[in-house]
Amino acid sequence: MPAVEPAPPSRRDARRNRELLITHARTAFVEQGLTASLEGIARSANLAIGTLYRHFPHRTDLLVAVYGATLREFLGGIESTLDSAGPWDGFRAFLDVLCSAQVGDRGFSDFVSRRFPGDERTEALHNRLCQLAERALAQAQKAGVVRLDVTNADLVMLLWAGGKIAEVTGKVAPGAWRRNLHVALDGFRATGGDALPGPPLDDAQLYQAMARSND
C-alpha cells in the first residue's frame, strides 16, 4: 500500500509556526547573540529544522523578522532626537541611545554593529544608521564641540566596545557601560587634546571589519 503524503500545513498553522519561530529566535538571540543555533531554535519551538528553513531560508531572513521593525523604530527615534536637540546634546544622545540599545540584548547589539553583505534589507537599514551617525558627527564638528579628527569609524568602535562591556558586566554592574561612554565622550570633545595616533579606518576598511565580524 503506497505511503500517504502528509497534508501540507494550513495557512493558519503556517502562520502559527512562523510566529513560534520568531518568538523562540528572539529569546535565543537575546541570550546568545546572532550566532545562536538555528537547530536549537527550531527544537525549542517543537518544530523541525525543515520548517524553519521553509519560512526563513537564510539566517538573515530570520534576523530581519526578529529585529527589522525594532531597528526601523529605533532609527526613527534617533532622527527625531537629532531634529530637536542642539549639536552637542544631539551627538551625546545619539551615542547614548545607540549604546543603551545593546544592553540586555546580545542579538540586537550584534545586528546594529555588523554588516550582512548581499542582503538589501539589512544594507538599507545600516546605511540609514550610518547617515544618521554622519549627521550627528557633522553637526557637532561644525558647531566646534567635537574634535575634527573623530570619524564615523571611531563611533562604530565605541559601539563595539560598549557592547562587549555590557555583555561582560551586565549581571554584576548593569550600568558600567555608561561610565565608559562618558569617558569616551570627554575624549571626543574639542578641547585641544593630543593628536590621535594613526589614521582612522576608511569607509572600505570599516565595512570589511563590520562584515568580518559575522565569520
C-alpha atoms as a PDB file:
ATOM      1  CA  MET A   1       0.000   0.000   0.000  1.00  0.00           C
ATOM      2  CA  PRO A   2       1.592   3.331  -1.052  1.00  0.00           C
ATOM      3  CA  ALA A   3       2.593   5.744   1.675  1.00  0.00           C
ATOM      4  CA  VAL A   4       0.233   8.634   2.178  1.00  0.00           C
ATOM      5  CA  GLU A   5       1.854  12.047   1.802  1.00  0.00           C
ATOM      6  CA  PRO A   6       1.255  14.217   4.860  1.00  0.00           C
ATOM      7  CA  ALA A   7      -1.102  17.083   4.185  1.00  0.00           C
ATOM      8  CA  PRO A   8       0.600  20.470   3.847  1.00  0.00           C
ATOM      9  CA  PRO A   9       0.059  22.733   6.838  1.00  0.00           C
ATOM     10  CA  SER A  10      -2.909  25.058   6.663  1.00  0.00           C
ATOM     11  CA  ARG A  11      -2.313  28.790   6.358  1.00  0.00           C
ATOM     12  CA  ARG A  12      -3.297  29.157   9.994  1.00  0.00           C
ATOM     13  CA  ASP A  13      -0.773  26.510  11.047  1.00  0.00           C
ATOM     14  CA  ALA A  14       1.901  28.089   8.856  1.00  0.00           C
ATOM     15  CA  ARG A  15       1.309  31.495  10.455  1.00  0.00           C
ATOM     16  CA  ARG A  16       1.392  29.928  13.911  1.00  0.00           C
ATOM     17  CA  ASN A  17       4.654  28.131  13.132  1.00  0.00           C
ATOM     18  CA  ARG A  18       6.227  31.314  11.774  1.00  0.00           C
ATOM     19  CA  GLU A  19       5.286  33.299  14.885  1.00  0.00           C
ATOM     20  CA  LEU A  20       6.546  30.492  17.122  1.00  0.00           C
ATOM     21  CA  LEU A  21       9.888  30.502  15.350  1.00  0.00           C
ATOM     22  CA  ILE A  22      10.209  34.291  15.649  1.00  0.00           C
ATOM     23  CA  THR A  23       9.355  34.167  19.362  1.00  0.00           C
ATOM     24  CA  HIS A  24      11.887  31.433  20.118  1.00  0.00           C
ATOM     25  CA  ALA A  25      14.509  33.033  17.868  1.00  0.00           C
ATOM     26  CA  ARG A  26      14.135  36.328  19.745  1.00  0.00           C
ATOM     27  CA  THR A  27      14.757  34.567  23.056  1.00  0.00           C
ATOM     28  CA  ALA A  28      17.797  32.752  21.671  1.00  0.00           C
ATOM     29  CA  PHE A  29      19.268  35.861  20.041  1.00  0.00           C
ATOM     30  CA  VAL A  30      18.793  37.972  23.180  1.00  0.00           C
ATOM     31  CA  GLU A  31      20.725  35.443  25.249  1.00  0.00           C
ATOM     32  CA  GLN A  32      23.261  34.066  22.755  1.00  0.00           C
ATOM     33  CA  GLY A  33      23.636  36.666  20.006  1.00  0.00           C
ATOM     34  CA  LEU A  34      23.071  36.258  16.290  1.00  0.00           C
ATOM     35  CA  THR A  35      25.096  33.048  16.060  1.00  0.00           C
ATOM     36  CA  ALA A  36      22.507  31.142  18.127  1.00  0.00           C
ATOM     37  CA  SER A  37      21.891  27.666  16.757  1.00  0.00           C
ATOM     38  CA  LEU A  38      19.037  27.529  14.259  1.00  0.00           C
ATOM     39  CA  GLU A  39      18.540  23.858  15.099  1.00  0.00           C
ATOM     40  CA  GLY A  40      18.195  24.846  18.758  1.00  0.00           C
ATOM     41  CA  ILE A  41      15.627  27.496  17.879  1.00  0.00           C
ATOM     42  CA  ALA A  42      13.539  25.020  15.901  1.00  0.00           C
ATOM     43  CA  ARG A  43      13.817  22.420  18.661  1.00  0.00           C
ATOM     44  CA  SER A  44      12.733  24.876  21.363  1.00  0.00           C
ATOM     45  CA  ALA A  45       9.663  25.679  19.258  1.00  0.00           C
ATOM     46  CA  ASN A  46       8.937  21.931  18.878  1.00  0.00           C
ATOM     47  CA  LEU A  47       9.299  22.230  15.116  1.00  0.00           C
ATOM     48  CA  ALA A  48      11.545  20.539  12.569  1.00  0.00           C
ATOM     49  CA  ILE A  49      14.541  22.423  11.209  1.00  0.00           C
ATOM     50  CA  GLY A  50      12.988  21.997   7.756  1.00  0.00           C
ATOM     51  CA  THR A  51      10.012  24.055   8.914  1.00  0.00           C
ATOM     52  CA  LEU A  52      12.338  26.838   9.975  1.00  0.00           C
ATOM     53  CA  TYR A  53      14.092  26.835   6.608  1.00  0.00           C
ATOM     54  CA  ARG A  54      10.778  26.892   4.742  1.00  0.00           C
ATOM     55  CA  HIS A  55       9.883  30.126   6.498  1.00  0.00           C
ATOM     56  CA  PHE A  56      13.410  31.559   6.714  1.00  0.00           C
ATOM     57  CA  PRO A  57      15.709  30.138   4.024  1.00  0.00           C
ATOM     58  CA  HIS A  58      18.662  32.192   5.269  1.00  0.00           C
ATOM     59  CA  ARG A  59      19.705  33.291   8.758  1.00  0.00           C
ATOM     60  CA  THR A  60      19.340  36.940   7.697  1.00  0.00           C
ATOM     61  CA  ASP A  61      15.655  36.315   6.871  1.00  0.00           C
ATOM     62  CA  LEU A  62      15.119  35.317  10.496  1.00  0.00           C
ATOM     63  CA  LEU A  63      17.182  38.243  11.781  1.00  0.00           C
ATOM     64  CA  VAL A  64      15.102  40.728   9.795  1.00  0.00           C
ATOM     65  CA  ALA A  65      11.882  39.114  11.035  1.00  0.00           C
ATOM     66  CA  VAL A  66      13.054  39.438  14.647  1.00  0.00           C
ATOM     67  CA  TYR A  67      14.834  42.803  14.560  1.00  0.00           C
ATOM     68  CA  GLY A  68      13.881  44.655  11.366  1.00  0.00           C
ATOM     69  CA  ALA A  69      10.891  46.552  12.756  1.00  0.00           C
ATOM     70  CA  THR A  70      12.747  47.256  16.022  1.00  0.00           C
ATOM     71  CA  LEU A  71      15.683  48.789  14.160  1.00  0.00           C
ATOM     72  CA  ARG A  72      13.412  50.891  11.930  1.00  0.00           C
ATOM     73  CA  GLU A  73      11.622  52.262  15.011  1.00  0.00           C
ATOM     74  CA  PHE A  74      14.973  52.823  16.700  1.00  0.00           C
ATOM     75  CA  LEU A  75      16.286  54.787  13.707  1.00  0.00           C
ATOM     76  CA  GLY A  76      13.144  56.913  13.658  1.00  0.00           C
ATOM     77  CA  GLY A  77      13.693  57.787  17.314  1.00  0.00           C
ATOM     78  CA  ILE A  78      17.298  58.802  16.654  1.00  0.00           C
ATOM     79  CA  GLU A  79      16.225  61.004  13.757  1.00  0.00           C
ATOM     80  CA  SER A  80      13.650  62.770  15.946  1.00  0.00           C
ATOM     81  CA  THR A  81      16.305  63.361  18.608  1.00  0.00           C
ATOM     82  CA  LEU A  82      18.692  64.919  16.097  1.00  0.00           C
ATOM     83  CA  ASP A  83      15.886  67.139  14.779  1.00  0.00           C
ATOM     84  CA  SER A  84      15.150  68.565  18.236  1.00  0.00           C
ATOM     85  CA  ALA A  85      18.491  68.677  20.063  1.00  0.00           C
ATOM     86  CA  GLY A  86      21.475  71.017  19.795  1.00  0.00           C
ATOM     87  CA  PRO A  87      24.770  69.840  18.266  1.00  0.00           C
ATOM     88  CA  TRP A  88      26.439  68.522  21.443  1.00  0.00           C
ATOM     89  CA  ASP A  89      23.233  67.217  23.042  1.00  0.00           C
ATOM     90  CA  GLY A  90      22.280  65.528  19.780  1.00  0.00           C
ATOM     91  CA  PHE A  91      25.703  63.896  19.433  1.00  0.00           C
ATOM     92  CA  ARG A  92      25.693  62.719  23.046  1.00  0.00           C
ATOM     93  CA  ALA A  93      22.103  61.473  22.846  1.00  0.00           C
ATOM     94  CA  PHE A  94      22.848  59.621  19.598  1.00  0.00           C
ATOM     95  CA  LEU A  95      25.681  57.669  21.229  1.00  0.00           C
ATOM     96  CA  ASP A  96      23.749  57.116  24.464  1.00  0.00           C
ATOM     97  CA  VAL A  97      20.721  55.734  22.634  1.00  0.00           C
ATOM     98  CA  LEU A  98      22.879  53.625  20.339  1.00  0.00           C
ATOM     99  CA  CYS A  99      24.885  52.096  23.177  1.00  0.00           C
ATOM    100  CA  SER A 100      21.919  51.633  25.519  1.00  0.00           C
ATOM    101  CA  ALA A 101      20.080  49.664  22.809  1.00  0.00           C
ATOM    102  CA  GLN A 102      22.714  46.943  23.179  1.00  0.00           C
ATOM    103  CA  VAL A 103      22.121  46.403  26.881  1.00  0.00           C
ATOM    104  CA  GLY A 104      20.359  43.141  27.702  1.00  0.00           C
ATOM    105  CA  ASP A 105      20.012  42.009  24.085  1.00  0.00           C
ATOM    106  CA  ARG A 106      23.114  40.462  22.537  1.00  0.00           C
ATOM    107  CA  GLY A 107      21.249  39.861  19.292  1.00  0.00           C
ATOM    108  CA  PHE A 108      20.284  43.490  18.764  1.00  0.00           C
ATOM    109  CA  SER A 109      23.811  44.540  19.717  1.00  0.00           C
ATOM    110  CA  ASP A 110      25.170  42.217  17.027  1.00  0.00           C
ATOM    111  CA  PHE A 111      22.562  43.306  14.496  1.00  0.00           C
ATOM    112  CA  VAL A 112      23.295  47.016  14.918  1.00  0.00           C
ATOM    113  CA  SER A 113      27.086  46.695  14.848  1.00  0.00           C
ATOM    114  CA  ARG A 114      27.523  44.244  11.972  1.00  0.00           C
ATOM    115  CA  ARG A 115      27.063  44.252   8.208  1.00  0.00           C
ATOM    116  CA  PHE A 116      25.444  41.497   6.164  1.00  0.00           C
ATOM    117  CA  PRO A 117      26.765  41.910   2.589  1.00  0.00           C
ATOM    118  CA  GLY A 118      24.363  40.924  -0.164  1.00  0.00           C
ATOM    119  CA  ASP A 119      21.169  41.478   1.836  1.00  0.00           C
ATOM    120  CA  GLU A 120      19.433  44.623   0.566  1.00  0.00           C
ATOM    121  CA  ARG A 121      17.127  44.881   3.595  1.00  0.00           C
ATOM    122  CA  THR A 122      19.883  44.988   6.193  1.00  0.00           C
ATOM    123  CA  GLU A 123      22.119  47.124   3.974  1.00  0.00           C
ATOM    124  CA  ALA A 124      19.377  49.757   3.698  1.00  0.00           C
ATOM    125  CA  LEU A 125      18.911  49.836   7.476  1.00  0.00           C
ATOM    126  CA  HIS A 126      22.633  50.056   8.167  1.00  0.00           C
ATOM    127  CA  ASN A 127      23.120  52.724   5.508  1.00  0.00           C
ATOM    128  CA  ARG A 128      20.464  54.822   7.219  1.00  0.00           C
ATOM    129  CA  LEU A 129      22.163  54.325  10.580  1.00  0.00           C
ATOM    130  CA  CYS A 130      25.476  55.445   9.061  1.00  0.00           C
ATOM    131  CA  GLN A 131      23.802  58.524   7.586  1.00  0.00           C
ATOM    132  CA  LEU A 132      22.416  59.464  11.000  1.00  0.00           C
ATOM    133  CA  ALA A 133      25.828  58.942  12.595  1.00  0.00           C
ATOM    134  CA  GLU A 134      27.420  61.165   9.941  1.00  0.00           C
ATOM    135  CA  ARG A 135      24.766  63.800  10.550  1.00  0.00           C
ATOM    136  CA  ALA A 136      25.247  63.773  14.337  1.00  0.00           C
ATOM    137  CA  LEU A 137      29.010  63.965  13.980  1.00  0.00           C
ATOM    138  CA  ALA A 138      28.998  66.639  11.254  1.00  0.00           C
ATOM    139  CA  GLN A 139      26.632  68.882  13.224  1.00  0.00           C
ATOM    140  CA  ALA A 140      28.769  68.617  16.331  1.00  0.00           C
ATOM    141  CA  GLN A 141      32.012  69.234  14.468  1.00  0.00           C
ATOM    142  CA  LYS A 142      30.582  72.182  12.554  1.00  0.00           C
ATOM    143  CA  ALA A 143      29.497  73.704  15.876  1.00  0.00           C
ATOM    144  CA  GLY A 144      33.024  73.252  17.242  1.00  0.00           C
ATOM    145  CA  VAL A 145      32.043  70.936  20.099  1.00  0.00           C
ATOM    146  CA  VAL A 146      33.602  67.694  18.790  1.00  0.00           C
ATOM    147  CA  ARG A 147      37.198  67.368  17.651  1.00  0.00           C
ATOM    148  CA  LEU A 148      37.646  67.361  13.894  1.00  0.00           C
ATOM    149  CA  ASP A 149      39.760  64.210  13.714  1.00  0.00           C
ATOM    150  CA  VAL A 150      36.935  61.983  15.008  1.00  0.00           C
ATOM    151  CA  THR A 151      35.322  59.875  12.274  1.00  0.00           C
ATOM    152  CA  ASN A 152      32.373  57.531  11.879  1.00  0.00           C
ATOM    153  CA  ALA A 153      34.739  54.606  12.371  1.00  0.00           C
ATOM    154  CA  ASP A 154      35.574  55.878  15.853  1.00  0.00           C
ATOM    155  CA  LEU A 155      31.864  55.837  16.727  1.00  0.00           C
ATOM    156  CA  VAL A 156      31.473  52.266  15.476  1.00  0.00           C
ATOM    157  CA  MET A 157      34.462  51.122  17.530  1.00  0.00           C
ATOM    158  CA  LEU A 158      32.925  52.797  20.578  1.00  0.00           C
ATOM    159  CA  LEU A 159      29.756  50.811  19.835  1.00  0.00           C
ATOM    160  CA  TRP A 160      31.759  47.568  19.706  1.00  0.00           C
ATOM    161  CA  ALA A 161      33.467  48.399  22.990  1.00  0.00           C
ATOM    162  CA  GLY A 162      30.184  49.326  24.673  1.00  0.00           C
ATOM    163  CA  GLY A 163      28.557  46.120  23.514  1.00  0.00           C
ATOM    164  CA  LYS A 164      31.345  43.988  24.963  1.00  0.00           C
ATOM    165  CA  ILE A 165      31.321  45.916  28.238  1.00  0.00           C
ATOM    166  CA  ALA A 166      27.538  45.497  28.530  1.00  0.00           C
ATOM    167  CA  GLU A 167      27.888  41.776  27.821  1.00  0.00           C
ATOM    168  CA  VAL A 168      30.550  41.027  30.449  1.00  0.00           C
ATOM    169  CA  THR A 169      29.280  43.348  33.205  1.00  0.00           C
ATOM    170  CA  GLY A 170      25.520  43.062  32.703  1.00  0.00           C
ATOM    171  CA  LYS A 171      24.906  40.661  35.582  1.00  0.00           C
ATOM    172  CA  VAL A 172      27.182  42.356  38.115  1.00  0.00           C
ATOM    173  CA  ALA A 173      27.082  46.063  37.173  1.00  0.00           C
ATOM    174  CA  PRO A 174      24.411  46.783  34.550  1.00  0.00           C
ATOM    175  CA  GLY A 175      25.264  50.469  34.246  1.00  0.00           C
ATOM    176  CA  ALA A 176      29.039  50.110  33.827  1.00  0.00           C
ATOM    177  CA  TRP A 177      28.866  50.664  30.065  1.00  0.00           C
ATOM    178  CA  ARG A 178      27.512  54.220  30.591  1.00  0.00           C
ATOM    179  CA  ARG A 179      30.559  55.250  32.647  1.00  0.00           C
ATOM    180  CA  ASN A 180      32.827  54.125  29.811  1.00  0.00           C
ATOM    181  CA  LEU A 181      30.668  56.003  27.302  1.00  0.00           C
ATOM    182  CA  HIS A 182      31.056  59.259  29.203  1.00  0.00           C
ATOM    183  CA  VAL A 183      34.815  58.798  29.450  1.00  0.00           C
ATOM    184  CA  ALA A 184      34.820  58.412  25.655  1.00  0.00           C
ATOM    185  CA  LEU A 185      32.555  61.451  25.204  1.00  0.00           C
ATOM    186  CA  ASP A 186      35.072  63.589  27.070  1.00  0.00           C
ATOM    187  CA  GLY A 187      37.704  62.303  24.659  1.00  0.00           C
ATOM    188  CA  PHE A 188      35.552  63.394  21.706  1.00  0.00           C
ATOM    189  CA  ARG A 189      35.201  66.973  22.938  1.00  0.00           C
ATOM    190  CA  ALA A 190      37.007  69.684  21.011  1.00  0.00           C
ATOM    191  CA  THR A 191      39.239  70.714  23.903  1.00  0.00           C
ATOM    192  CA  GLY A 192      42.631  70.642  22.252  1.00  0.00           C
ATOM    193  CA  GLY A 193      43.709  67.169  23.337  1.00  0.00           C
ATOM    194  CA  ASP A 194      46.667  65.265  21.932  1.00  0.00           C
ATOM    195  CA  ALA A 195      46.553  64.239  18.286  1.00  0.00           C
ATOM    196  CA  LEU A 196      45.125  60.767  17.759  1.00  0.00           C
ATOM    197  CA  PRO A 197      47.753  58.129  16.883  1.00  0.00           C
ATOM    198  CA  GLY A 198      47.454  56.584  13.428  1.00  0.00           C
ATOM    199  CA  PRO A 199      44.883  57.207  10.714  1.00  0.00           C
ATOM    200  CA  PRO A 200      41.213  56.289  11.126  1.00  0.00           C
ATOM    201  CA  LEU A 201      39.684  53.365   9.250  1.00  0.00           C
ATOM    202  CA  ASP A 202      38.423  54.471   5.864  1.00  0.00           C
ATOM    203  CA  ASP A 203      34.928  53.517   4.668  1.00  0.00           C
ATOM    204  CA  ALA A 204      36.083  50.338   2.917  1.00  0.00           C
ATOM    205  CA  GLN A 205      38.080  49.143   5.923  1.00  0.00           C
ATOM    206  CA  LEU A 206      35.184  49.847   8.277  1.00  0.00           C
ATOM    207  CA  TYR A 207      32.749  47.945   6.070  1.00  0.00           C
ATOM    208  CA  GLN A 208      35.121  44.973   5.854  1.00  0.00           C
ATOM    209  CA  ALA A 209      35.577  44.941   9.629  1.00  0.00           C
ATOM    210  CA  MET A 210      31.813  45.026  10.212  1.00  0.00           C
ATOM    211  CA  ALA A 211      31.241  42.242   7.684  1.00  0.00           C
ATOM    212  CA  ARG A 212      34.088  40.074   9.026  1.00  0.00           C
ATOM    213  CA  SER A 213      32.507  40.109  12.479  1.00  0.00           C
ATOM    214  CA  ASN A 214      29.995  37.580  11.057  1.00  0.00           C
ATOM    215  CA  ASP A 215      32.722  34.991  10.302  1.00  0.00           C
END
